[in-house]
Amino acid sequence: MRFNDDFVFGTATASYQVEGAHAEGGRTPSIWDTQCRTPGKVHGGDTGDVACDQYHRWDEDLEIIKSLGLQAYRFSISWSRVIPDGVGEVNPEGVAYYRRVCETLKAAGISPVVTLYHWDLPQVLEDKGGWTLRETAYAFADYAQKMARELGDVVDVWSTLNEPWCSSYLGYGSGVHAPGHTDPVEALKAVHHLNLAHGLASRALREELGEDVPICLTLNLHVIHPLTDSAADVAAARRIEVVGNEAFLQPVMEGRFPEELREIAKDVTDWSFVLDGDMELCHQVPGILGINYYSTSTVKACDPGEESLSGGHGETGVSPWVCCEDVTFLPPKGLLTDMGWNIEPDGLRQLLVATARRYPGQQLMVTENGAAFPDEVSADRQVHDPLRVNYLRDHLDAVARAIDEGAPVTGYYLWSLLDNFEWSWGYSKRFGMVRVDYDSLERTVKDSAKWYADLVRRRDLGAVGTDWVAGS
């Protein structure tokens, strides 16, 4: 239950979710600006125009991070803020903002961990075809190289992509995420071109900053349980694993195309967009494999005549699981988060241990983990969120147990620092350990943040007491 002194405790955000300043400093629209302005795509018609206004309130948020004793802050760069045309000239004002963020973090002894792509593709690139085109992967590599030149001296870790599963399947398959398309072929093209983007960008970063530059790839690997041990249910679970996990792991980590995926999608695409030599380009093993984890799923094979349940962010009624129409997701059981997701801490332990055994020696990091709950401000003007405290305690215990079993997990990033714009859910879901009043933008540190700060200080789950409770 104790974390060693080298274990990194951090927190994370994403540019479109927190920055605001959507039309300031030379920034041009991203696909999420467009998605938010498309009727019916985002809850309540919410937008990220202001979000948490971190662009203007960075100093305030930095003080919160410092006060919690955190060692790292993972945030993303808005591609359209630093290269407004998607390719070409760098915007000095945009770069200056991120340089200031990195420099002030480092001055405070906090490690800047930069994600280059957290879902906000410049709209000008989407207008040309977005991730359905391999040219976008090359544009991404050029963007990565330019950021390395501009910020390489102040960034400690470079993360290429955050959850390419979401960018491809939710963006182009189910339409839940930007750009809001519902085409399975486009989704599979996006999968491949995102893998290609990681490989090309990794090469660019290493060319610019040296072979030892710390590079991370963050995947939301799925933990899928078959309902029974029948051959049909086991095959259904494997189908989801191939589409959700193997589609990314095999090209990047192993340099090979997932043949099971080719078979699954044989009636959808001929894979002609995968060119000779692409697997070599995709095969750039990151120094750090980031794992985002929130919940598990239980699936079964569809019975004859049974309609499949979309599962996994299928809020539009269109399943993001392309080529998996014969798989049914079972409704989650037990206590659920405000997202309707189940709470299964041991799934995180299982995932970390299994990944460590599959890739011996690969450094792992939990780059996102957290929960949304309907927090309220109490009469004492505090936010008491015991459900989130319990969630964090149990999942960090799972991380500690995975380490005891030999998984080389070197850090944990709590999602999220702030309540923020939660994509298609708008501002209706709160993941933050710091509450944001969306009218006044006032920040209130929740009990969960105080608990986390106590853990960071003590580094021992068994020693964390109640002295973090407000008023004690």
Protein backbone atom coordinates (compact mmCIF):
# COMPACT_ATOMS: atom_id res chain seq x y z
CA MET A 1 0.00 0.00 0.00
CA ARG A 2 3.06 2.25 0.02
CA PHE A 3 4.39 4.03 -3.08
CA ASN A 4 8.13 4.52 -3.38
CA ASP A 5 9.71 7.95 -3.58
CA ASP A 6 10.16 7.71 -7.36
CA PHE A 7 6.45 7.17 -8.03
CA VAL A 8 4.93 10.26 -9.69
CA PHE A 9 1.58 11.62 -8.52
CA GLY A 10 0.00 14.04 -10.97
CA THR A 11 -3.22 15.28 -12.47
CA ALA A 12 -4.42 15.95 -16.00
CA THR A 13 -6.54 18.15 -18.25
CA ALA A 14 -7.07 18.71 -21.98
CA SER A 15 -6.90 21.98 -23.89
CA TYR A 16 -10.44 22.23 -25.26
CA GLN A 17 -11.93 21.12 -21.97
CA VAL A 18 -10.31 23.81 -19.81
CA GLU A 19 -8.62 26.61 -21.76
CA GLY A 20 -11.42 28.70 -23.24
CA ALA A 21 -10.16 31.75 -25.17
CA HIS A 22 -11.41 29.97 -28.27
CA ALA A 23 -10.85 32.93 -30.61
CA GLU A 24 -7.95 34.67 -28.86
CA GLY A 25 -4.25 34.77 -29.51
CA GLY A 26 -4.48 33.59 -33.10
CA ARG A 27 -6.30 30.34 -32.36
CA THR A 28 -8.51 29.01 -35.17
CA PRO A 29 -11.46 26.61 -34.83
CA SER A 30 -10.96 22.95 -34.08
CA ILE A 31 -13.35 20.13 -34.87
CA TRP A 32 -14.79 20.52 -31.38
CA ASP A 33 -15.70 24.16 -32.01
CA THR A 34 -17.64 22.90 -35.01
CA GLN A 35 -19.17 19.95 -33.16
CA CYS A 36 -20.44 22.23 -30.40
CA ARG A 37 -22.17 24.43 -32.96
CA THR A 38 -23.93 21.49 -34.59
CA PRO A 39 -27.44 21.21 -33.11
CA GLY A 40 -28.01 18.12 -31.01
CA LYS A 41 -24.38 17.09 -30.75
CA VAL A 42 -23.59 18.45 -27.27
CA HIS A 43 -25.78 18.39 -24.17
CA GLY A 44 -27.49 21.71 -23.59
CA GLY A 45 -25.78 23.29 -26.58
CA ASP A 46 -22.68 23.79 -24.40
CA THR A 47 -19.37 24.85 -25.92
CA GLY A 48 -15.76 25.11 -24.86
CA ASP A 49 -15.61 28.79 -25.76
CA VAL A 50 -14.89 29.72 -22.13
CA ALA A 51 -14.64 26.31 -20.45
CA CYS A 52 -12.66 26.84 -17.20
CA ASP A 53 -10.88 29.88 -18.67
CA GLN A 54 -7.51 28.38 -17.77
CA TYR A 55 -5.95 30.42 -20.57
CA HIS A 56 -6.52 33.52 -18.42
CA ARG A 57 -6.48 31.84 -15.00
CA TRP A 58 -3.36 29.73 -15.31
CA ASP A 59 -1.64 31.37 -12.34
CA GLU A 60 -4.60 30.51 -10.11
CA ASP A 61 -4.65 26.90 -11.27
CA LEU A 62 -0.89 26.60 -10.85
CA GLU A 63 -1.23 27.68 -7.23
CA ILE A 64 -3.79 24.94 -6.68
CA ILE A 65 -1.49 22.32 -8.20
CA LYS A 66 1.35 23.55 -6.01
CA SER A 67 -0.80 23.57 -2.88
CA LEU A 68 -1.68 19.91 -3.43
CA GLY A 69 1.98 18.94 -3.66
CA LEU A 70 1.59 17.30 -7.06
CA GLN A 71 4.69 16.33 -8.96
CA ALA A 72 3.42 16.47 -12.54
CA TYR A 73 0.76 18.13 -14.64
CA ARG A 74 -0.39 16.49 -17.84
CA PHE A 75 -2.04 18.90 -20.28
CA SER A 76 -2.52 19.12 -24.01
CA ILE A 77 -1.56 21.65 -26.63
CA SER A 78 -4.28 23.05 -28.86
CA TRP A 79 -2.91 22.33 -32.34
CA SER A 80 -4.93 25.18 -33.86
CA ARG A 81 -3.60 27.61 -31.26
CA VAL A 82 0.03 27.02 -32.21
CA ILE A 83 -0.38 26.30 -35.95
CA PRO A 84 -3.60 28.05 -36.97
CA ASP A 85 -3.58 26.65 -40.50
CA GLY A 86 -2.89 23.11 -39.31
CA VAL A 87 0.36 23.13 -41.30
CA GLY A 88 2.84 25.85 -42.01
CA GLU A 89 3.74 28.83 -39.87
CA VAL A 90 3.90 28.62 -36.08
CA ASN A 91 1.87 31.19 -34.13
CA PRO A 92 4.30 32.85 -31.68
CA GLU A 93 1.53 33.96 -29.34
CA GLY A 94 0.18 30.45 -29.00
CA VAL A 95 3.61 28.97 -28.38
CA ALA A 96 4.34 31.68 -25.81
CA TYR A 97 1.31 30.62 -23.79
CA TYR A 98 2.47 27.02 -23.53
CA ARG A 99 6.06 28.03 -22.86
CA ARG A 100 4.84 30.10 -19.93
CA VAL A 101 2.81 27.17 -18.60
CA CYS A 102 5.83 24.86 -18.83
CA GLU A 103 8.29 27.34 -17.37
CA THR A 104 6.11 28.18 -14.39
CA LEU A 105 5.50 24.49 -13.72
CA LYS A 106 9.21 23.73 -13.79
CA ALA A 107 9.98 26.70 -11.58
CA ALA A 108 7.56 25.21 -9.05
CA GLY A 109 9.23 21.78 -9.27
CA ILE A 110 6.31 20.27 -11.20
CA SER A 111 6.96 18.19 -14.31
CA PRO A 112 5.23 19.36 -17.53
CA VAL A 113 3.79 16.37 -19.40
CA VAL A 114 2.52 17.51 -22.79
CA THR A 115 -0.05 15.69 -24.90
CA LEU A 116 0.18 16.75 -28.52
CA TYR A 117 -3.27 15.49 -29.52
CA HIS A 118 -6.28 15.30 -27.23
CA TRP A 119 -8.99 15.20 -29.90
CA ASP A 120 -9.07 18.83 -31.13
CA LEU A 121 -7.94 18.55 -34.76
CA PRO A 122 -7.77 21.91 -36.56
CA GLN A 123 -10.97 22.28 -38.58
CA VAL A 124 -8.98 23.26 -41.65
CA LEU A 125 -7.47 19.76 -41.69
CA GLU A 126 -10.83 18.08 -41.14
CA ASP A 127 -12.20 20.04 -44.09
CA LYS A 128 -9.64 18.19 -46.22
CA GLY A 129 -10.57 14.77 -44.81
CA GLY A 130 -9.14 14.74 -41.29
CA TRP A 131 -7.94 11.41 -39.95
CA THR A 132 -9.38 9.55 -42.93
CA LEU A 133 -6.35 10.84 -44.88
CA ARG A 134 -2.76 9.73 -44.35
CA GLU A 135 -1.69 13.30 -45.09
CA THR A 136 -3.04 14.25 -41.66
CA ALA A 137 -0.56 11.86 -40.05
CA TYR A 138 2.28 13.65 -41.82
CA ALA A 139 0.86 17.03 -40.80
CA PHE A 140 0.82 15.76 -37.20
CA ALA A 141 4.46 14.73 -37.42
CA ASP A 142 5.37 18.19 -38.71
CA TYR A 143 3.43 19.76 -35.83
CA ALA A 144 5.24 17.50 -33.35
CA GLN A 145 8.63 18.45 -34.72
CA LYS A 146 7.83 22.15 -34.55
CA MET A 147 6.66 21.86 -30.95
CA ALA A 148 9.85 19.98 -30.12
CA ARG A 149 11.87 22.86 -31.54
CA GLU A 150 9.83 25.46 -29.72
CA LEU A 151 9.33 23.73 -26.35
CA GLY A 152 11.81 20.89 -26.19
CA ASP A 153 13.82 22.57 -23.44
CA VAL A 154 10.83 22.94 -21.10
CA VAL A 155 8.80 19.74 -21.64
CA ASP A 156 9.69 16.66 -19.58
CA VAL A 157 7.49 14.06 -21.31
CA TRP A 158 5.88 14.13 -24.75
CA SER A 159 2.66 12.18 -25.22
CA THR A 160 1.74 11.78 -28.88
CA LEU A 161 -1.93 10.76 -28.80
CA ASN A 162 -4.59 10.50 -26.14
CA GLU A 163 -7.03 7.62 -26.62
CA PRO A 164 -6.97 7.18 -30.41
CA TRP A 165 -9.88 4.74 -29.89
CA CYS A 166 -12.06 7.76 -29.11
CA SER A 167 -10.70 9.85 -31.97
CA SER A 168 -11.41 7.11 -34.49
CA TYR A 169 -14.42 5.13 -33.34
CA LEU A 170 -16.32 7.86 -31.51
CA GLY A 171 -15.35 10.56 -33.99
CA TYR A 172 -15.90 8.70 -37.24
CA GLY A 173 -17.89 5.61 -36.25
CA SER A 174 -20.63 6.61 -33.83
CA GLY A 175 -20.56 10.41 -34.24
CA VAL A 176 -20.59 10.96 -30.48
CA HIS A 177 -17.32 12.88 -30.73
CA ALA A 178 -16.07 15.36 -33.30
CA PRO A 179 -16.17 15.38 -36.27
CA GLY A 180 -19.45 13.56 -35.75
CA HIS A 181 -19.32 11.06 -38.62
CA THR A 182 -20.97 7.64 -38.65
CA ASP A 183 -19.04 5.68 -41.27
CA PRO A 184 -17.28 2.42 -40.28
CA VAL A 185 -14.80 2.66 -43.13
CA GLU A 186 -13.82 6.17 -42.07
CA ALA A 187 -13.41 4.91 -38.50
CA LEU A 188 -11.01 2.16 -39.59
CA LYS A 189 -9.07 4.57 -41.78
CA ALA A 190 -8.74 6.86 -38.77
CA VAL A 191 -7.46 3.98 -36.62
CA HIS A 192 -4.65 3.30 -39.09
CA HIS A 193 -3.75 6.92 -39.70
CA LEU A 194 -3.63 7.66 -35.97
CA ASN A 195 -1.23 4.74 -35.50
CA LEU A 196 0.78 6.14 -38.38
CA ALA A 197 0.67 9.59 -36.75
CA HIS A 198 2.11 8.22 -33.52
CA GLY A 199 4.94 6.52 -35.39
CA LEU A 200 5.81 9.51 -37.55
CA ALA A 201 5.59 11.96 -34.66
CA SER A 202 7.76 9.73 -32.46
CA ARG A 203 10.41 9.69 -35.17
CA ALA A 204 10.19 13.46 -35.48
CA LEU A 205 10.54 13.97 -31.73
CA ARG A 206 13.54 11.64 -31.56
CA GLU A 207 15.14 13.29 -34.56
CA GLU A 208 14.75 16.70 -32.98
CA LEU A 209 15.44 15.91 -29.31
CA GLY A 210 17.48 12.70 -29.34
CA GLU A 211 16.70 9.01 -29.07
CA ASP A 212 16.25 9.19 -25.29
CA VAL A 213 13.48 11.80 -25.32
CA PRO A 214 10.66 10.51 -23.07
CA ILE A 215 7.72 9.66 -25.34
CA CYS A 216 4.36 8.36 -24.16
CA LEU A 217 1.39 6.92 -26.02
CA THR A 218 -1.86 6.94 -24.04
CA LEU A 219 -4.42 4.23 -24.77
CA ASN A 220 -7.75 3.52 -23.14
CA LEU A 221 -7.30 -0.23 -23.18
CA HIS A 222 -10.57 -2.03 -22.57
CA VAL A 223 -11.12 -4.67 -19.91
CA ILE A 224 -13.81 -6.94 -21.35
CA HIS A 225 -15.41 -9.81 -19.45
CA PRO A 226 -17.39 -12.52 -21.28
CA LEU A 227 -20.70 -13.21 -19.55
CA THR A 228 -20.00 -16.95 -19.51
CA ASP A 229 -17.13 -19.20 -20.48
CA SER A 230 -19.04 -20.44 -23.50
CA ALA A 231 -17.13 -20.38 -26.78
CA ALA A 232 -19.60 -17.84 -28.21
CA ASP A 233 -19.27 -15.37 -25.31
CA VAL A 234 -15.49 -15.72 -25.18
CA ALA A 235 -15.36 -15.06 -28.92
CA ALA A 236 -17.59 -11.99 -28.48
CA ALA A 237 -15.24 -10.59 -25.83
CA ARG A 238 -12.25 -11.26 -28.05
CA ARG A 239 -13.92 -9.44 -30.94
CA ILE A 240 -14.21 -6.31 -28.80
CA GLU A 241 -10.62 -6.68 -27.59
CA VAL A 242 -9.37 -6.89 -31.17
CA VAL A 243 -11.26 -3.81 -32.33
CA GLY A 244 -10.57 -1.82 -29.16
CA ASN A 245 -7.09 -2.91 -28.09
CA GLU A 246 -5.25 -4.96 -30.70
CA ALA A 247 -5.99 -2.40 -33.41
CA PHE A 248 -3.55 -0.09 -31.63
CA LEU A 249 -1.23 -2.36 -29.64
CA GLN A 250 -0.03 -4.61 -32.44
CA PRO A 251 0.97 -1.92 -34.98
CA VAL A 252 2.67 0.33 -32.42
CA MET A 253 4.12 -2.14 -29.92
CA GLU A 254 4.78 -5.11 -32.21
CA GLY A 255 5.06 -3.68 -35.72
CA ARG A 256 2.47 -5.96 -37.24
CA PHE A 257 -1.01 -5.63 -38.60
CA PRO A 258 -3.68 -7.32 -36.44
CA GLU A 259 -4.84 -10.11 -38.76
CA GLU A 260 -7.87 -10.78 -36.56
CA LEU A 261 -9.00 -7.23 -37.29
CA ARG A 262 -8.54 -7.79 -41.01
CA GLU A 263 -10.80 -10.83 -40.75
CA ILE A 264 -13.40 -9.06 -38.60
CA ALA A 265 -13.66 -6.16 -41.06
CA LYS A 266 -13.31 -8.10 -44.30
CA ASP A 267 -16.85 -7.25 -45.39
CA VAL A 268 -16.38 -3.54 -44.54
CA THR A 269 -13.05 -2.56 -46.10
CA ASP A 270 -10.28 -3.97 -48.24
CA TRP A 271 -7.63 -2.15 -46.18
CA SER A 272 -6.17 -0.63 -49.34
CA PHE A 273 -5.25 2.45 -47.29
CA VAL A 274 -2.63 0.38 -45.42
CA LEU A 275 0.47 0.68 -47.60
CA ASP A 276 3.61 -1.41 -47.78
CA GLY A 277 6.00 -0.26 -45.07
CA ASP A 278 3.31 1.29 -42.89
CA MET A 279 3.78 -1.18 -40.04
CA GLU A 280 7.44 -0.21 -39.88
CA LEU A 281 6.40 3.43 -39.62
CA CYS A 282 3.81 2.70 -36.93
CA HIS A 283 6.23 0.58 -34.92
CA GLN A 284 7.64 3.19 -32.57
CA VAL A 285 7.49 1.68 -29.07
CA PRO A 286 7.00 4.51 -26.58
CA GLY A 287 9.24 4.80 -23.56
CA ILE A 288 6.06 5.07 -21.52
CA LEU A 289 2.80 3.30 -22.29
CA GLY A 290 0.07 5.41 -20.75
CA ILE A 291 -3.11 3.64 -19.69
CA ASN A 292 -6.40 5.44 -19.10
CA TYR A 293 -8.85 3.42 -17.05
CA TYR A 294 -12.37 4.08 -15.78
CA SER A 295 -14.49 0.92 -15.91
CA THR A 296 -14.98 -2.55 -17.34
CA SER A 297 -17.59 -4.10 -19.64
CA THR A 298 -19.32 -7.45 -19.75
CA VAL A 299 -20.41 -8.80 -23.14
CA LYS A 300 -22.09 -11.81 -24.64
CA ALA A 301 -22.83 -13.12 -28.09
CA CYS A 302 -26.18 -12.00 -29.45
CA ASP A 303 -28.92 -14.59 -29.35
CA PRO A 304 -30.72 -15.26 -32.65
CA GLY A 305 -33.02 -12.34 -33.38
CA GLU A 306 -31.67 -10.29 -30.46
CA GLU A 307 -30.79 -6.68 -31.10
CA SER A 308 -27.25 -5.79 -30.07
CA LEU A 309 -26.70 -3.13 -27.44
CA SER A 310 -24.23 -0.50 -28.57
CA GLY A 311 -22.37 -0.13 -25.28
CA GLY A 312 -19.31 2.03 -24.70
CA HIS A 313 -20.36 5.60 -25.45
CA GLY A 314 -23.09 4.68 -27.92
CA GLU A 315 -25.27 7.58 -26.83
CA THR A 316 -26.43 8.32 -30.37
CA GLY A 317 -27.81 4.84 -30.81
CA VAL A 318 -25.00 4.13 -33.27
CA SER A 319 -22.43 1.72 -31.92
CA PRO A 320 -18.80 2.83 -31.92
CA TRP A 321 -17.84 -0.84 -32.11
CA VAL A 322 -17.67 -1.15 -35.88
CA CYS A 323 -17.88 -4.72 -37.16
CA CYS A 324 -19.19 -5.94 -33.77
CA GLU A 325 -22.92 -6.03 -34.48
CA ASP A 326 -23.18 -9.55 -33.07
CA VAL A 327 -21.95 -8.55 -29.60
CA THR A 328 -24.21 -7.39 -26.79
CA PHE A 329 -22.97 -5.22 -23.90
CA LEU A 330 -24.68 -6.09 -20.64
CA PRO A 331 -25.99 -3.23 -18.46
CA PRO A 332 -23.48 -2.37 -15.72
CA LYS A 333 -24.29 -3.45 -12.17
CA GLY A 334 -23.72 -2.09 -8.70
CA LEU A 335 -22.84 1.49 -7.81
CA LEU A 336 -22.36 3.53 -10.98
CA THR A 337 -20.64 6.83 -11.58
CA ASP A 338 -22.57 9.78 -12.94
CA MET A 339 -21.50 8.65 -16.41
CA GLY A 340 -23.35 5.38 -15.90
CA TRP A 341 -20.05 3.46 -15.73
CA ASN A 342 -19.45 0.61 -13.32
CA ILE A 343 -16.81 0.76 -10.60
CA GLU A 344 -14.38 -2.16 -10.71
CA PRO A 345 -10.97 -1.25 -9.26
CA ASP A 346 -9.61 -4.74 -9.76
CA GLY A 347 -10.03 -4.27 -13.50
CA LEU A 348 -7.21 -1.74 -13.31
CA ARG A 349 -4.97 -4.20 -11.48
CA GLN A 350 -5.75 -6.90 -14.03
CA LEU A 351 -5.03 -4.56 -16.94
CA LEU A 352 -1.71 -3.33 -15.56
CA VAL A 353 -0.48 -6.82 -14.69
CA ALA A 354 -1.57 -8.31 -18.02
CA THR A 355 0.06 -5.49 -20.00
CA ALA A 356 3.28 -5.82 -18.01
CA ARG A 357 3.42 -9.55 -18.70
CA ARG A 358 2.71 -9.04 -22.38
CA TYR A 359 5.42 -6.39 -22.75
CA PRO A 360 8.15 -7.19 -20.21
CA GLY A 361 10.18 -4.17 -19.18
CA GLN A 362 7.74 -1.67 -20.68
CA GLN A 363 7.28 1.32 -18.39
CA LEU A 364 3.60 1.85 -17.59
CA MET A 365 1.81 4.90 -16.26
CA VAL A 366 -1.83 5.42 -15.30
CA THR A 367 -2.34 8.61 -17.28
CA GLU A 368 -6.04 9.00 -16.42
CA ASN A 369 -8.28 7.61 -13.71
CA GLY A 370 -11.18 9.27 -11.95
CA ALA A 371 -14.94 9.47 -11.65
CA ALA A 372 -17.81 11.86 -12.23
CA PHE A 373 -20.30 12.32 -9.43
CA PRO A 374 -23.03 14.95 -8.94
CA ASP A 375 -21.10 17.06 -6.42
CA GLU A 376 -22.81 19.82 -4.49
CA VAL A 377 -21.51 22.79 -2.53
CA SER A 378 -22.48 22.32 1.11
CA ALA A 379 -23.63 24.93 3.61
CA ASP A 380 -20.01 25.40 4.72
CA ARG A 381 -19.09 26.31 1.11
CA GLN A 382 -17.09 23.11 0.75
CA VAL A 383 -17.51 20.13 -1.56
CA HIS A 384 -17.66 16.86 0.34
CA ASP A 385 -17.32 14.06 -2.23
CA PRO A 386 -16.89 10.77 -0.33
CA LEU A 387 -17.84 8.67 -3.36
CA ARG A 388 -14.88 10.08 -5.29
CA VAL A 389 -12.56 9.63 -2.31
CA ASN A 390 -13.60 5.97 -2.10
CA TYR A 391 -13.15 5.56 -5.85
CA LEU A 392 -9.65 7.02 -5.80
CA ARG A 393 -8.59 5.07 -2.72
CA ASP A 394 -9.73 1.76 -4.20
CA HIS A 395 -8.14 2.38 -7.60
CA LEU A 396 -4.85 3.53 -6.12
CA ASP A 397 -4.90 0.39 -4.00
CA ALA A 398 -5.31 -1.54 -7.25
CA VAL A 399 -2.26 0.25 -8.67
CA ALA A 400 -0.24 -0.61 -5.56
CA ARG A 401 -1.25 -4.26 -5.84
CA ALA A 402 -0.28 -4.32 -9.51
CA ILE A 403 3.15 -2.97 -8.59
CA ASP A 404 3.46 -5.68 -5.95
CA GLU A 405 2.77 -8.22 -8.69
CA GLY A 406 5.63 -6.85 -10.75
CA ALA A 407 3.97 -4.28 -13.03
CA PRO A 408 6.45 -1.41 -13.60
CA VAL A 409 3.94 1.39 -12.99
CA THR A 410 5.78 4.65 -12.42
CA GLY A 411 3.00 7.18 -11.98
CA TYR A 412 -0.68 8.01 -11.57
CA TYR A 413 -2.51 11.03 -12.99
CA LEU A 414 -5.88 11.80 -11.49
CA TRP A 415 -8.56 12.87 -13.97
CA SER A 416 -9.23 15.67 -13.65
CA LEU A 417 -7.76 18.71 -11.98
CA LEU A 418 -10.91 20.71 -12.70
CA ASP A 419 -14.55 20.14 -13.44
CA ASN A 420 -14.65 20.93 -17.14
CA PHE A 421 -16.30 20.61 -20.53
CA GLU A 422 -17.03 16.88 -20.76
CA TRP A 423 -17.30 16.57 -24.55
CA SER A 424 -20.76 15.47 -25.71
CA TRP A 425 -21.99 15.75 -22.12
CA GLY A 426 -21.15 19.47 -21.99
CA TYR A 427 -20.95 20.74 -18.42
CA SER A 428 -23.38 18.19 -16.98
CA LYS A 429 -20.71 15.83 -15.61
CA ARG A 430 -18.09 16.72 -13.00
CA PHE A 431 -14.82 14.77 -12.89
CA GLY A 432 -12.70 17.39 -11.13
CA MET A 433 -11.05 17.25 -7.75
CA VAL A 434 -11.54 21.01 -7.91
CA ARG A 435 -15.05 22.30 -8.44
CA VAL A 436 -15.62 25.05 -11.01
CA ASP A 437 -18.65 27.31 -10.77
CA TYR A 438 -19.39 27.78 -14.45
CA ASP A 439 -21.01 31.17 -13.88
CA SER A 440 -18.33 32.82 -11.74
CA LEU A 441 -15.48 30.40 -12.62
CA GLU A 442 -14.66 30.25 -8.91
CA ARG A 443 -12.57 27.22 -7.94
CA THR A 444 -13.33 25.18 -4.80
CA VAL A 445 -10.94 22.44 -3.73
CA LYS A 446 -12.97 19.31 -2.99
CA ASP A 447 -12.36 16.81 -0.21
CA SER A 448 -11.03 14.36 -2.80
CA ALA A 449 -8.23 16.81 -3.64
CA LYS A 450 -7.34 17.13 0.04
CA TRP A 451 -7.32 13.36 0.39
CA TYR A 452 -5.10 13.04 -2.69
CA ALA A 453 -2.72 15.70 -1.39
CA ASP A 454 -2.43 13.77 1.88
CA LEU A 455 -1.57 10.60 -0.03
CA VAL A 456 1.03 12.46 -2.08
CA ARG A 457 2.61 13.68 1.14
CA ARG A 458 2.49 10.37 3.02
CA ARG A 459 2.89 8.02 -0.01
CA ASP A 460 1.11 5.35 2.00
CA LEU A 461 -2.57 4.50 1.52
CA GLY A 462 -2.70 2.96 4.98
CA ALA A 463 -1.48 6.15 6.61
CA VAL A 464 -3.89 8.62 4.97
CA GLY A 465 -6.06 9.92 7.78
CA THR A 466 -8.97 12.33 8.04
CA ASP A 467 -6.98 15.51 8.53
CA TRP A 468 -7.72 16.47 4.89
CA VAL A 469 -11.40 16.96 5.72
CA ALA A 470 -12.52 20.58 5.48
CA GLY A 471 -12.48 22.38 8.79
CA SER A 472 -10.37 19.87 10.68
